[in-house]
Amino acid sequence: MHQLETTQRIPISIEKAWDFFSSPANLKTITPPHMGFEITSGYTTGEKMYAGMIISYIVKPIFNIPMKWVTEITHVKEGVYFVDEQRFGPYTLWHHTHFFRAIDGGVEMQDRIHYKIPFGFLGRIANSVFVRNQVTGIFDYRRKKLEALFGRWKGKIAEPHR
């Protein structure tokens, strides 16, 4: 099992952040173009996510080869967090929790991803060689894209009290 955590702060309200991230239509906007990301079914344009929502995608993560990916939105607490879990796709397990928290001057978003690659030992090698870098690269792209869309957070991180 592998884990990846990212945190990003952007200068928008938690309501605006939730509105953006709870719309599956915005996933393509924050996914690198080389991934060939396309939603193929599972939602109506303008529909907000809800627990039990199934979304199907096509992605091209390796050598531009199309791959089906199906996720379920398993938990939603509006304005606080939501969870997507893979039901069919490239991973043995994919569990992704998105947290949102209002902060001074914006919103802090934290992603916590637990994933497992198939093929045992070979999967662990694949993760070390390219999968982890690819997943990290997707979040690096997202960070830059969100800054381009909403601006850069200019707040300060509070120092711990001693």
Foldseek 3Di string as FASTA:
>chain_A
DDKDKDKAWFQDALVVVLQQVQFPVNPVLLFDVQQVKDWDDFDDHPDGADAQTKTWIWTQLPPRDTWIWIWGFHDDDRSAKTWIWTPDTQFPTWIKMWGWDDDVRTIMIMIMIDTHGPDPPVRVVCCVPPVVVSVVVSVVSNNVSVCVVGNHRDDDDDDDDD
